[in-house]
Amino acid sequence: MFPTLPVNTHRRRFIAQSAAALTSCLCDVPMSIADAPPETQRVRLHFYPVACIAPLHVVEPLLAAEGFTDVGFVGPYDGVGVGPGKADFDMMSVCSIMLALDAESDFVTLMGAHLGCYELFGSRRVRSIRDLHGATVAVDGLGGAQHAMLSSMAAYVGVDPRKDIRWVTQLPPVGKQLYIDGKVDAYLGFPPETQELRARGIGPVIVNTATDKPWSQYACCMLLTSREFLEKHPRATKRVMRALIRAADLCTREPERVARALVDRRVVERYEYGLQTLLESNFGSWRTHDPADAMRFHGVRLHDVGLIRSSPKELIARGSDWRFLDELRHEMKA
């Protein structure tokens, strides 16, 4: 269990104001859906201090409005954050999802969370993705989120991540410092690391997945739940999704208020880094982007270089369920 976070004045105000304002938003929902209570009032979310999953960090009052009276945050866990003894819902990078599904993890992907958050920082030695051939790169671990995403990016330009790149496996704080010290040639960062590195003038940035095609066209992180929770609690699953969609809209509509909440929740240390993340990430992509496209795009690259055995089509069929997303798009007039 992650230790209880302090509820200071700002967070109390945020929860109180959000609960009042966002409960009123339920008037948009057809009565037949609003009247159907969740099968359980208990839900657990995977907590880890990453700014780009901001909707998870501010969704608590929205979950209360959806009928959940027992909301908790657990973790952080290595790998998939949902399953027995873990959380009910998690957000993971799409490449990590494909690797986990290939390893037959029992979860279901429900929707894309946002577009873009990773940035690839280079050096004099590395000025493009193709320059990763023969380069030394620090990642969180083979099969981890950084390794999986960068492997897909490398494969897209014809670099084989299995033999063309020298990987140094370190946890992100150590890997980032190795890059700052010039001991590795490149580093793939995510918020708030990316804002810090840019503010310090450390770079250059080779790829920003929020703005550079083709990466900016596909979901970066995605929402998932355990198969057991989905099968036992389909109405609760849909209500959690609706709350997170409203939280994503809040991130777009009131980024300053959400940025303050990220500081209060100890997700980021500096308000300006949280605000930059909110302004740069596309949290409205749930309306228009097909999450299966992201799984297919990255899955093809990961399959080509042997990091997954199953075809992307098989993994999407086995590990995704878009029914509730389609319903919510219709009901919320996306």
C-alpha atoms as a PDB file:
ATOM      1  CA  MET A   1       0.000   0.000   0.000  1.00  0.00           C
ATOM      2  CA  PHE A   2       1.378   3.386  -0.932  1.00  0.00           C
ATOM      3  CA  PRO A   3       1.614   5.627   2.149  1.00  0.00           C
ATOM      4  CA  THR A   4      -1.273   8.002   2.729  1.00  0.00           C
ATOM      5  CA  LEU A   5      -0.649  11.341   1.103  1.00  0.00           C
ATOM      6  CA  PRO A   6      -1.039  14.530   3.117  1.00  0.00           C
ATOM      7  CA  VAL A   7      -4.293  16.350   2.502  1.00  0.00           C
ATOM      8  CA  ASN A   8      -3.305  19.997   2.717  1.00  0.00           C
ATOM      9  CA  THR A   9      -5.421  23.095   2.215  1.00  0.00           C
ATOM     10  CA  HIS A  10      -4.918  23.188  -1.578  1.00  0.00           C
ATOM     11  CA  ARG A  11      -5.887  19.551  -2.020  1.00  0.00           C
ATOM     12  CA  ARG A  12      -8.973  19.899   0.203  1.00  0.00           C
ATOM     13  CA  ARG A  13     -10.048  22.908  -1.837  1.00  0.00           C
ATOM     14  CA  PHE A  14      -9.374  21.055  -5.100  1.00  0.00           C
ATOM     15  CA  ILE A  15     -11.420  18.018  -4.059  1.00  0.00           C
ATOM     16  CA  ALA A  16     -14.291  20.107  -2.684  1.00  0.00           C
ATOM     17  CA  GLN A  17     -14.497  22.401  -5.702  1.00  0.00           C
ATOM     18  CA  SER A  18     -14.105  19.544  -8.165  1.00  0.00           C
ATOM     19  CA  ALA A  19     -16.750  17.426  -6.475  1.00  0.00           C
ATOM     20  CA  ALA A  20     -19.290  20.240  -6.669  1.00  0.00           C
ATOM     21  CA  ALA A  21     -18.499  21.318 -10.212  1.00  0.00           C
ATOM     22  CA  LEU A  22     -18.050  17.893 -11.700  1.00  0.00           C
ATOM     23  CA  THR A  23     -21.017  16.227 -10.068  1.00  0.00           C
ATOM     24  CA  SER A  24     -23.166  18.737 -11.956  1.00  0.00           C
ATOM     25  CA  CYS A  25     -21.623  17.497 -15.196  1.00  0.00           C
ATOM     26  CA  LEU A  26     -23.485  14.210 -14.779  1.00  0.00           C
ATOM     27  CA  CYS A  27     -26.530  15.973 -16.163  1.00  0.00           C
ATOM     28  CA  ASP A  28     -25.001  15.256 -19.582  1.00  0.00           C
ATOM     29  CA  VAL A  29     -25.413  11.518 -18.994  1.00  0.00           C
ATOM     30  CA  PRO A  30     -28.609   9.705 -20.045  1.00  0.00           C
ATOM     31  CA  MET A  31     -30.710   8.868 -16.987  1.00  0.00           C
ATOM     32  CA  SER A  32     -30.702   5.133 -17.685  1.00  0.00           C
ATOM     33  CA  ILE A  33     -26.942   5.144 -17.329  1.00  0.00           C
ATOM     34  CA  ALA A  34     -26.754   7.619 -14.451  1.00  0.00           C
ATOM     35  CA  ASP A  35     -29.287   5.528 -12.494  1.00  0.00           C
ATOM     36  CA  ALA A  36     -27.427   2.232 -12.871  1.00  0.00           C
ATOM     37  CA  PRO A  37     -25.204   1.967  -9.781  1.00  0.00           C
ATOM     38  CA  PRO A  38     -21.762   0.365  -9.933  1.00  0.00           C
ATOM     39  CA  GLU A  39     -21.594  -3.253  -8.766  1.00  0.00           C
ATOM     40  CA  THR A  40     -18.978  -2.219  -6.213  1.00  0.00           C
ATOM     41  CA  GLN A  41     -18.254   1.046  -4.432  1.00  0.00           C
ATOM     42  CA  ARG A  42     -14.597   0.087  -3.963  1.00  0.00           C
ATOM     43  CA  VAL A  43     -11.921   0.843  -6.563  1.00  0.00           C
ATOM     44  CA  ARG A  44      -8.134   0.869  -6.397  1.00  0.00           C
ATOM     45  CA  LEU A  45      -5.920   2.865  -8.782  1.00  0.00           C
ATOM     46  CA  HIS A  46      -2.211   2.365  -9.410  1.00  0.00           C
ATOM     47  CA  PHE A  47      -0.281   5.335  -8.058  1.00  0.00           C
ATOM     48  CA  TYR A  48       3.145   6.337  -9.247  1.00  0.00           C
ATOM     49  CA  PRO A  49       4.581   9.838  -9.491  1.00  0.00           C
ATOM     50  CA  VAL A  50       4.421  10.488 -13.234  1.00  0.00           C
ATOM     51  CA  ALA A  51       2.893  13.760 -14.394  1.00  0.00           C
ATOM     52  CA  CYS A  52       1.674  12.591 -17.795  1.00  0.00           C
ATOM     53  CA  ILE A  53      -0.972  10.377 -16.166  1.00  0.00           C
ATOM     54  CA  ALA A  54      -2.443  13.464 -14.494  1.00  0.00           C
ATOM     55  CA  PRO A  55      -6.085  12.310 -14.883  1.00  0.00           C
ATOM     56  CA  LEU A  56      -5.404   9.468 -12.450  1.00  0.00           C
ATOM     57  CA  HIS A  57      -4.077  11.932  -9.905  1.00  0.00           C
ATOM     58  CA  VAL A  58      -7.162  14.188  -9.915  1.00  0.00           C
ATOM     59  CA  VAL A  59      -9.954  11.691 -10.539  1.00  0.00           C
ATOM     60  CA  GLU A  60     -10.902  11.057  -6.897  1.00  0.00           C
ATOM     61  CA  PRO A  61     -13.810  13.563  -6.639  1.00  0.00           C
ATOM     62  CA  LEU A  62     -15.151  12.401  -9.988  1.00  0.00           C
ATOM     63  CA  LEU A  63     -15.172   8.803  -8.786  1.00  0.00           C
ATOM     64  CA  ALA A  64     -17.129   9.911  -5.735  1.00  0.00           C
ATOM     65  CA  ALA A  65     -19.666  11.514  -8.061  1.00  0.00           C
ATOM     66  CA  GLU A  66     -19.925   8.183  -9.903  1.00  0.00           C
ATOM     67  CA  GLY A  67     -20.865   6.306  -6.728  1.00  0.00           C
ATOM     68  CA  PHE A  68     -17.504   5.071  -5.466  1.00  0.00           C
ATOM     69  CA  THR A  69     -17.243   5.597  -1.714  1.00  0.00           C
ATOM     70  CA  ASP A  70     -14.007   3.668  -1.162  1.00  0.00           C
ATOM     71  CA  VAL A  71     -11.290   4.980  -3.491  1.00  0.00           C
ATOM     72  CA  GLY A  72      -7.683   4.035  -2.859  1.00  0.00           C
ATOM     73  CA  PHE A  73      -4.279   4.387  -4.484  1.00  0.00           C
ATOM     74  CA  VAL A  74      -1.791   1.522  -4.284  1.00  0.00           C
ATOM     75  CA  GLY A  75       1.707   0.835  -5.521  1.00  0.00           C
ATOM     76  CA  PRO A  76       3.952   1.647  -7.177  1.00  0.00           C
ATOM     77  CA  TYR A  77       4.442  -1.805  -8.683  1.00  0.00           C
ATOM     78  CA  ASP A  78       6.921  -3.013 -11.256  1.00  0.00           C
ATOM     79  CA  GLY A  79       5.386  -3.973 -14.574  1.00  0.00           C
ATOM     80  CA  VAL A  80       1.617  -4.296 -14.924  1.00  0.00           C
ATOM     81  CA  GLY A  81      -0.087  -2.574 -12.003  1.00  0.00           C
ATOM     82  CA  VAL A  82      -3.386  -4.494 -12.098  1.00  0.00           C
ATOM     83  CA  GLY A  83      -4.171  -7.988 -10.898  1.00  0.00           C
ATOM     84  CA  PRO A  84      -4.509  -9.977  -7.665  1.00  0.00           C
ATOM     85  CA  GLY A  85      -3.158  -7.967  -4.755  1.00  0.00           C
ATOM     86  CA  LYS A  86      -2.597  -4.936  -6.971  1.00  0.00           C
ATOM     87  CA  ALA A  87      -4.795  -2.173  -8.398  1.00  0.00           C
ATOM     88  CA  ASP A  88      -8.003  -2.422 -10.398  1.00  0.00           C
ATOM     89  CA  PHE A  89      -6.929   0.212 -12.970  1.00  0.00           C
ATOM     90  CA  ASP A  90      -3.588   1.381 -14.311  1.00  0.00           C
ATOM     91  CA  MET A  91      -2.144   3.521 -17.092  1.00  0.00           C
ATOM     92  CA  MET A  92       0.810   2.134 -19.043  1.00  0.00           C
ATOM     93  CA  SER A  93       2.721   3.028 -22.166  1.00  0.00           C
ATOM     94  CA  VAL A  94       1.406   1.296 -25.260  1.00  0.00           C
ATOM     95  CA  CYS A  95       4.702  -0.508 -25.959  1.00  0.00           C
ATOM     96  CA  SER A  96       4.819  -1.892 -22.426  1.00  0.00           C
ATOM     97  CA  ILE A  97       1.254  -3.082 -22.902  1.00  0.00           C
ATOM     98  CA  MET A  98       2.168  -4.981 -26.051  1.00  0.00           C
ATOM     99  CA  LEU A  99       5.097  -6.702 -24.326  1.00  0.00           C
ATOM    100  CA  ALA A 100       2.970  -7.594 -21.310  1.00  0.00           C
ATOM    101  CA  LEU A 101       0.158  -8.979 -23.466  1.00  0.00           C
ATOM    102  CA  ASP A 102       2.678 -11.064 -25.377  1.00  0.00           C
ATOM    103  CA  ALA A 103       3.803 -12.484 -22.028  1.00  0.00           C
ATOM    104  CA  GLU A 104       0.137 -13.391 -21.450  1.00  0.00           C
ATOM    105  CA  SER A 105      -0.592 -10.961 -18.634  1.00  0.00           C
ATOM    106  CA  ASP A 106      -4.311 -11.126 -17.846  1.00  0.00           C
ATOM    107  CA  PHE A 107      -5.569  -7.580 -18.332  1.00  0.00           C
ATOM    108  CA  VAL A 108      -7.756  -5.655 -20.768  1.00  0.00           C
ATOM    109  CA  THR A 109      -6.907  -2.350 -22.468  1.00  0.00           C
ATOM    110  CA  LEU A 110      -9.877   0.033 -22.441  1.00  0.00           C
ATOM    111  CA  MET A 111      -8.892   3.344 -24.049  1.00  0.00           C
ATOM    112  CA  GLY A 112      -6.049   5.659 -24.931  1.00  0.00           C
ATOM    113  CA  ALA A 113      -5.131   8.139 -22.198  1.00  0.00           C
ATOM    114  CA  HIS A 114      -3.253  10.827 -24.123  1.00  0.00           C
ATOM    115  CA  LEU A 115      -0.900  11.489 -27.016  1.00  0.00           C
ATOM    116  CA  GLY A 116       2.772  12.118 -26.470  1.00  0.00           C
ATOM    117  CA  CYS A 117       4.947  12.425 -23.395  1.00  0.00           C
ATOM    118  CA  TYR A 118       8.298  10.844 -24.250  1.00  0.00           C
ATOM    119  CA  GLU A 119      11.206  12.914 -25.523  1.00  0.00           C
ATOM    120  CA  LEU A 120      14.446  11.498 -26.892  1.00  0.00           C
ATOM    121  CA  PHE A 121      17.488  13.512 -25.834  1.00  0.00           C
ATOM    122  CA  GLY A 122      20.645  13.150 -27.889  1.00  0.00           C
ATOM    123  CA  SER A 123      24.245  14.339 -27.848  1.00  0.00           C
ATOM    124  CA  ARG A 124      27.048  15.280 -30.206  1.00  0.00           C
ATOM    125  CA  ARG A 125      27.203  11.594 -31.086  1.00  0.00           C
ATOM    126  CA  VAL A 126      23.438  11.180 -31.553  1.00  0.00           C
ATOM    127  CA  ARG A 127      21.551  13.749 -33.651  1.00  0.00           C
ATOM    128  CA  SER A 128      18.812  11.512 -35.054  1.00  0.00           C
ATOM    129  CA  ILE A 129      17.150   8.188 -34.302  1.00  0.00           C
ATOM    130  CA  ARG A 130      19.370   6.552 -36.947  1.00  0.00           C
ATOM    131  CA  ASP A 131      22.414   7.697 -34.956  1.00  0.00           C
ATOM    132  CA  LEU A 132      21.384   5.251 -32.234  1.00  0.00           C
ATOM    133  CA  HIS A 133      23.173   2.608 -34.322  1.00  0.00           C
ATOM    134  CA  GLY A 134      26.255   1.854 -32.237  1.00  0.00           C
ATOM    135  CA  ALA A 135      25.218   4.249 -29.454  1.00  0.00           C
ATOM    136  CA  THR A 136      24.985   3.629 -25.712  1.00  0.00           C
ATOM    137  CA  VAL A 137      21.562   4.328 -24.215  1.00  0.00           C
ATOM    138  CA  ALA A 138      20.332   4.186 -20.615  1.00  0.00           C
ATOM    139  CA  VAL A 139      16.903   2.596 -20.029  1.00  0.00           C
ATOM    140  CA  ASP A 140      14.900   1.382 -17.059  1.00  0.00           C
ATOM    141  CA  GLY A 141      15.440  -2.275 -17.951  1.00  0.00           C
ATOM    142  CA  LEU A 142      15.189  -4.602 -20.916  1.00  0.00           C
ATOM    143  CA  GLY A 143      11.473  -4.921 -21.540  1.00  0.00           C
ATOM    144  CA  GLY A 144      10.735  -1.802 -19.496  1.00  0.00           C
ATOM    145  CA  ALA A 145       8.792   1.206 -20.719  1.00  0.00           C
ATOM    146  CA  GLN A 146      11.789   3.199 -21.978  1.00  0.00           C
ATOM    147  CA  HIS A 147      13.384   0.187 -23.679  1.00  0.00           C
ATOM    148  CA  ALA A 148      10.129  -0.867 -25.335  1.00  0.00           C
ATOM    149  CA  MET A 149       9.275   2.585 -26.692  1.00  0.00           C
ATOM    150  CA  LEU A 150      12.780   3.324 -27.905  1.00  0.00           C
ATOM    151  CA  SER A 151      12.999  -0.106 -29.528  1.00  0.00           C
ATOM    152  CA  SER A 152       9.874   0.678 -31.538  1.00  0.00           C
ATOM    153  CA  MET A 153      11.262   4.076 -32.538  1.00  0.00           C
ATOM    154  CA  ALA A 154      14.576   2.547 -33.590  1.00  0.00           C
ATOM    155  CA  ALA A 155      12.919  -0.216 -35.566  1.00  0.00           C
ATOM    156  CA  TYR A 156      10.860   2.377 -37.449  1.00  0.00           C
ATOM    157  CA  VAL A 157      14.043   3.786 -39.020  1.00  0.00           C
ATOM    158  CA  GLY A 158      15.742   0.434 -39.583  1.00  0.00           C
ATOM    159  CA  VAL A 159      17.911   0.235 -36.450  1.00  0.00           C
ATOM    160  CA  ASP A 160      17.777  -3.190 -34.788  1.00  0.00           C
ATOM    161  CA  PRO A 161      17.553  -2.579 -31.018  1.00  0.00           C
ATOM    162  CA  ARG A 162      18.744  -6.115 -30.277  1.00  0.00           C
ATOM    163  CA  LYS A 163      22.168  -5.755 -31.857  1.00  0.00           C
ATOM    164  CA  ASP A 164      22.689  -2.141 -32.949  1.00  0.00           C
ATOM    165  CA  ILE A 165      22.280  -0.403 -29.564  1.00  0.00           C
ATOM    166  CA  ARG A 166      24.286  -0.876 -26.372  1.00  0.00           C
ATOM    167  CA  TRP A 167      21.801  -0.775 -23.513  1.00  0.00           C
ATOM    168  CA  VAL A 168      22.698   0.311 -19.991  1.00  0.00           C
ATOM    169  CA  THR A 169      19.966  -0.703 -17.545  1.00  0.00           C
ATOM    170  CA  GLN A 170      19.417   1.668 -14.649  1.00  0.00           C
ATOM    171  CA  LEU A 171      16.413   3.120 -12.872  1.00  0.00           C
ATOM    172  CA  PRO A 172      15.384   6.473 -14.412  1.00  0.00           C
ATOM    173  CA  PRO A 173      17.074   8.759 -11.843  1.00  0.00           C
ATOM    174  CA  VAL A 174      20.402   7.001 -12.384  1.00  0.00           C
ATOM    175  CA  GLY A 175      19.945   6.705 -16.152  1.00  0.00           C
ATOM    176  CA  LYS A 176      19.103  10.381 -16.422  1.00  0.00           C
ATOM    177  CA  GLN A 177      22.210  11.307 -14.437  1.00  0.00           C
ATOM    178  CA  LEU A 178      24.386   9.104 -16.656  1.00  0.00           C
ATOM    179  CA  TYR A 179      23.068  11.081 -19.620  1.00  0.00           C
ATOM    180  CA  ILE A 180      23.670  14.431 -17.905  1.00  0.00           C
ATOM    181  CA  ASP A 181      27.232  13.345 -17.079  1.00  0.00           C
ATOM    182  CA  GLY A 182      27.884  12.350 -20.703  1.00  0.00           C
ATOM    183  CA  LYS A 183      28.347   8.675 -19.882  1.00  0.00           C
ATOM    184  CA  VAL A 184      25.630   7.544 -22.306  1.00  0.00           C
ATOM    185  CA  ASP A 185      24.793   8.912 -25.749  1.00  0.00           C
ATOM    186  CA  ALA A 186      21.024   9.295 -25.458  1.00  0.00           C
ATOM    187  CA  TYR A 187      18.174   9.181 -23.006  1.00  0.00           C
ATOM    188  CA  LEU A 188      14.409   8.738 -23.455  1.00  0.00           C
ATOM    189  CA  GLY A 189      12.710  10.840 -20.777  1.00  0.00           C
ATOM    190  CA  PHE A 190       9.158  11.444 -19.642  1.00  0.00           C
ATOM    191  CA  PRO A 191       7.559  14.172 -17.504  1.00  0.00           C
ATOM    192  CA  PRO A 192       8.716  15.775 -15.326  1.00  0.00           C
ATOM    193  CA  GLU A 193      12.221  14.661 -16.404  1.00  0.00           C
ATOM    194  CA  THR A 194      11.793  16.183 -19.837  1.00  0.00           C
ATOM    195  CA  GLN A 195      10.862  19.611 -18.475  1.00  0.00           C
ATOM    196  CA  GLU A 196      13.824  19.547 -16.104  1.00  0.00           C
ATOM    197  CA  LEU A 197      16.321  18.601 -18.805  1.00  0.00           C
ATOM    198  CA  ARG A 198      15.024  21.280 -21.154  1.00  0.00           C
ATOM    199  CA  ALA A 199      15.038  23.925 -18.409  1.00  0.00           C
ATOM    200  CA  ARG A 200      18.683  23.106 -17.684  1.00  0.00           C
ATOM    201  CA  GLY A 201      19.581  23.367 -21.358  1.00  0.00           C
ATOM    202  CA  ILE A 202      20.583  19.729 -21.591  1.00  0.00           C
ATOM    203  CA  GLY A 203      19.927  18.263 -25.000  1.00  0.00           C
ATOM    204  CA  PRO A 204      19.298  18.428 -27.850  1.00  0.00           C
ATOM    205  CA  VAL A 205      15.789  16.998 -28.108  1.00  0.00           C
ATOM    206  CA  ILE A 206      15.780  14.678 -31.120  1.00  0.00           C
ATOM    207  CA  VAL A 207      12.166  13.513 -30.928  1.00  0.00           C
ATOM    208  CA  ASN A 208       9.216  14.923 -29.033  1.00  0.00           C
ATOM    209  CA  THR A 209       6.424  12.352 -29.274  1.00  0.00           C
ATOM    210  CA  ALA A 210       3.828  15.031 -28.504  1.00  0.00           C
ATOM    211  CA  THR A 211       4.644  17.017 -31.643  1.00  0.00           C
ATOM    212  CA  ASP A 212       6.730  14.897 -34.037  1.00  0.00           C
ATOM    213  CA  LYS A 213       5.105  12.542 -36.520  1.00  0.00           C
ATOM    214  CA  PRO A 214       4.423   9.683 -36.676  1.00  0.00           C
ATOM    215  CA  TRP A 215       4.671   9.357 -32.876  1.00  0.00           C
ATOM    216  CA  SER A 216       2.322  12.263 -32.197  1.00  0.00           C
ATOM    217  CA  GLN A 217      -0.459  10.494 -34.115  1.00  0.00           C
ATOM    218  CA  TYR A 218      -0.765   7.594 -31.684  1.00  0.00           C
ATOM    219  CA  ALA A 219      -1.747   7.145 -28.054  1.00  0.00           C
ATOM    220  CA  CYS A 220       1.250   7.071 -25.757  1.00  0.00           C
ATOM    221  CA  CYS A 221      -0.303   5.767 -22.527  1.00  0.00           C
ATOM    222  CA  MET A 222      -3.450   3.671 -22.232  1.00  0.00           C
ATOM    223  CA  LEU A 223      -5.934   2.706 -19.538  1.00  0.00           C
ATOM    224  CA  LEU A 224      -6.212  -0.931 -18.525  1.00  0.00           C
ATOM    225  CA  THR A 225      -8.002  -3.041 -15.945  1.00  0.00           C
ATOM    226  CA  SER A 226      -7.756  -6.610 -14.753  1.00  0.00           C
ATOM    227  CA  ARG A 227      -9.912  -9.056 -16.650  1.00  0.00           C
ATOM    228  CA  GLU A 228     -11.433 -10.191 -13.351  1.00  0.00           C
ATOM    229  CA  PHE A 229     -12.582  -6.681 -12.435  1.00  0.00           C
ATOM    230  CA  LEU A 230     -14.060  -6.096 -15.890  1.00  0.00           C
ATOM    231  CA  GLU A 231     -16.002  -9.358 -15.852  1.00  0.00           C
ATOM    232  CA  LYS A 232     -17.316  -8.895 -12.315  1.00  0.00           C
ATOM    233  CA  HIS A 233     -17.983  -5.152 -12.491  1.00  0.00           C
ATOM    234  CA  PRO A 234     -18.793  -3.947 -16.019  1.00  0.00           C
ATOM    235  CA  ARG A 235     -20.907  -0.990 -14.815  1.00  0.00           C
ATOM    236  CA  ALA A 236     -18.190   0.042 -12.393  1.00  0.00           C
ATOM    237  CA  THR A 237     -15.631  -0.220 -15.180  1.00  0.00           C
ATOM    238  CA  LYS A 238     -17.636   2.107 -17.373  1.00  0.00           C
ATOM    239  CA  ARG A 239     -18.119   4.591 -14.542  1.00  0.00           C
ATOM    240  CA  VAL A 240     -14.386   4.636 -13.800  1.00  0.00           C
ATOM    241  CA  MET A 241     -13.724   5.303 -17.463  1.00  0.00           C
ATOM    242  CA  ARG A 242     -16.243   8.152 -17.509  1.00  0.00           C
ATOM    243  CA  ALA A 243     -14.648   9.689 -14.420  1.00  0.00           C
ATOM    244  CA  LEU A 244     -11.202   9.488 -16.006  1.00  0.00           C
ATOM    245  CA  ILE A 245     -12.484  11.024 -19.235  1.00  0.00           C
ATOM    246  CA  ARG A 246     -13.881  13.951 -17.233  1.00  0.00           C
ATOM    247  CA  ALA A 247     -10.568  14.178 -15.385  1.00  0.00           C
ATOM    248  CA  ALA A 248      -8.767  14.300 -18.744  1.00  0.00           C
ATOM    249  CA  ASP A 249     -11.062  17.097 -19.868  1.00  0.00           C
ATOM    250  CA  LEU A 250     -10.312  18.928 -16.621  1.00  0.00           C
ATOM    251  CA  CYS A 251      -6.577  18.656 -17.379  1.00  0.00           C
ATOM    252  CA  THR A 252      -7.227  20.412 -20.678  1.00  0.00           C
ATOM    253  CA  ARG A 253      -9.740  22.956 -19.383  1.00  0.00           C
ATOM    254  CA  GLU A 254      -8.034  23.954 -16.113  1.00  0.00           C
ATOM    255  CA  PRO A 255      -4.352  23.026 -16.363  1.00  0.00           C
ATOM    256  CA  GLU A 256      -3.290  25.554 -13.721  1.00  0.00           C
ATOM    257  CA  ARG A 257      -5.548  24.019 -11.073  1.00  0.00           C
ATOM    258  CA  VAL A 258      -4.498  20.490 -11.962  1.00  0.00           C
ATOM    259  CA  ALA A 259      -0.826  21.483 -11.887  1.00  0.00           C
ATOM    260  CA  ARG A 260      -1.276  22.697  -8.320  1.00  0.00           C
ATOM    261  CA  ALA A 261      -2.875  19.366  -7.435  1.00  0.00           C
ATOM    262  CA  LEU A 262       0.122  17.519  -8.919  1.00  0.00           C
ATOM    263  CA  VAL A 263       2.419  19.461  -6.608  1.00  0.00           C
ATOM    264  CA  ASP A 264       0.177  18.821  -3.610  1.00  0.00           C
ATOM    265  CA  ARG A 265       0.127  15.110  -4.402  1.00  0.00           C
ATOM    266  CA  ARG A 266       3.922  15.046  -4.689  1.00  0.00           C
ATOM    267  CA  VAL A 267       3.802  13.953  -8.315  1.00  0.00           C
ATOM    268  CA  VAL A 268       6.006  16.894  -9.318  1.00  0.00           C
ATOM    269  CA  GLU A 269       8.146  19.170  -7.187  1.00  0.00           C
ATOM    270  CA  ARG A 270       7.793  22.263  -9.341  1.00  0.00           C
ATOM    271  CA  TYR A 271       4.491  23.746 -10.441  1.00  0.00           C
ATOM    272  CA  GLU A 272       5.858  24.964 -13.776  1.00  0.00           C
ATOM    273  CA  TYR A 273       6.931  21.433 -14.764  1.00  0.00           C
ATOM    274  CA  GLY A 274       3.461  20.091 -14.043  1.00  0.00           C
ATOM    275  CA  LEU A 275       1.854  22.905 -15.990  1.00  0.00           C
ATOM    276  CA  GLN A 276       4.139  22.363 -18.992  1.00  0.00           C
ATOM    277  CA  THR A 277       3.221  18.674 -19.036  1.00  0.00           C
ATOM    278  CA  LEU A 278      -0.488  19.476 -19.047  1.00  0.00           C
ATOM    279  CA  LEU A 279      -0.141  22.059 -21.803  1.00  0.00           C
ATOM    280  CA  GLU A 280       2.010  19.822 -24.004  1.00  0.00           C
ATOM    281  CA  SER A 281       0.103  16.520 -23.695  1.00  0.00           C
ATOM    282  CA  ASN A 282      -3.080  15.906 -25.664  1.00  0.00           C
ATOM    283  CA  PHE A 283      -5.627  14.657 -23.113  1.00  0.00           C
ATOM    284  CA  GLY A 284      -8.535  15.095 -25.495  1.00  0.00           C
ATOM    285  CA  SER A 285      -7.399  12.342 -27.844  1.00  0.00           C
ATOM    286  CA  TRP A 286      -9.968   9.884 -26.458  1.00  0.00           C
ATOM    287  CA  ARG A 287     -12.537  11.662 -28.626  1.00  0.00           C
ATOM    288  CA  THR A 288     -10.923  11.127 -32.005  1.00  0.00           C
ATOM    289  CA  HIS A 289      -8.048   8.647 -31.923  1.00  0.00           C
ATOM    290  CA  ASP A 290      -8.463   4.899 -32.309  1.00  0.00           C
ATOM    291  CA  PRO A 291      -6.456   3.235 -29.512  1.00  0.00           C
ATOM    292  CA  ALA A 292      -6.106   0.066 -31.578  1.00  0.00           C
ATOM    293  CA  ASP A 293      -4.101   2.076 -34.119  1.00  0.00           C
ATOM    294  CA  ALA A 294      -1.424   2.774 -31.513  1.00  0.00           C
ATOM    295  CA  MET A 295      -1.232  -0.873 -30.477  1.00  0.00           C
ATOM    296  CA  ARG A 296      -1.003  -1.912 -34.118  1.00  0.00           C
ATOM    297  CA  PHE A 297       1.610   0.704 -35.052  1.00  0.00           C
ATOM    298  CA  HIS A 298       4.029  -0.114 -32.246  1.00  0.00           C
ATOM    299  CA  GLY A 299       3.186  -3.810 -32.261  1.00  0.00           C
ATOM    300  CA  VAL A 300       4.331  -4.210 -35.858  1.00  0.00           C
ATOM    301  CA  ARG A 301       7.750  -2.724 -35.006  1.00  0.00           C
ATOM    302  CA  LEU A 302       8.162  -4.753 -31.842  1.00  0.00           C
ATOM    303  CA  HIS A 303       7.205  -7.903 -33.728  1.00  0.00           C
ATOM    304  CA  ASP A 304       9.612  -7.133 -36.568  1.00  0.00           C
ATOM    305  CA  VAL A 305      12.570  -6.990 -34.174  1.00  0.00           C
ATOM    306  CA  GLY A 306      11.504 -10.052 -32.199  1.00  0.00           C
ATOM    307  CA  LEU A 307      10.470  -8.366 -28.958  1.00  0.00           C
ATOM    308  CA  ILE A 308       6.982  -9.870 -29.199  1.00  0.00           C
ATOM    309  CA  ARG A 309       6.131 -13.276 -30.621  1.00  0.00           C
ATOM    310  CA  SER A 310       2.406 -12.871 -31.253  1.00  0.00           C
ATOM    311  CA  SER A 311       1.079 -10.713 -34.053  1.00  0.00           C
ATOM    312  CA  PRO A 312      -0.339  -7.299 -33.116  1.00  0.00           C
ATOM    313  CA  LYS A 313      -3.726  -8.468 -34.386  1.00  0.00           C
ATOM    314  CA  GLU A 314      -3.715 -11.380 -31.947  1.00  0.00           C
ATOM    315  CA  LEU A 315      -2.686  -9.202 -29.014  1.00  0.00           C
ATOM    316  CA  ILE A 316      -5.312  -6.545 -29.754  1.00  0.00           C
ATOM    317  CA  ALA A 317      -8.015  -9.211 -30.017  1.00  0.00           C
ATOM    318  CA  ARG A 318      -6.927 -10.854 -26.767  1.00  0.00           C
ATOM    319  CA  GLY A 319      -6.154  -7.793 -24.701  1.00  0.00           C
ATOM    320  CA  SER A 320      -8.576  -5.004 -25.552  1.00  0.00           C
ATOM    321  CA  ASP A 321     -12.250  -4.114 -25.182  1.00  0.00           C
ATOM    322  CA  TRP A 322     -13.488  -0.878 -26.789  1.00  0.00           C
ATOM    323  CA  ARG A 323     -17.215  -1.308 -26.056  1.00  0.00           C
ATOM    324  CA  PHE A 324     -17.387   1.182 -23.216  1.00  0.00           C
ATOM    325  CA  LEU A 325     -15.234   3.728 -25.021  1.00  0.00           C
ATOM    326  CA  ASP A 326     -17.604   3.626 -27.998  1.00  0.00           C
ATOM    327  CA  GLU A 327     -20.625   4.020 -25.704  1.00  0.00           C
ATOM    328  CA  LEU A 328     -19.076   6.904 -23.791  1.00  0.00           C
ATOM    329  CA  ARG A 329     -18.124   8.712 -26.980  1.00  0.00           C
ATOM    330  CA  HIS A 330     -21.752   8.545 -28.043  1.00  0.00           C
ATOM    331  CA  GLU A 331     -23.213   9.446 -24.644  1.00  0.00           C
ATOM    332  CA  MET A 332     -20.774  12.298 -24.000  1.00  0.00           C
ATOM    333  CA  LYS A 333     -21.174  13.596 -27.565  1.00  0.00           C
ATOM    334  CA  ALA A 334     -17.504  13.298 -28.391  1.00  0.00           C
END
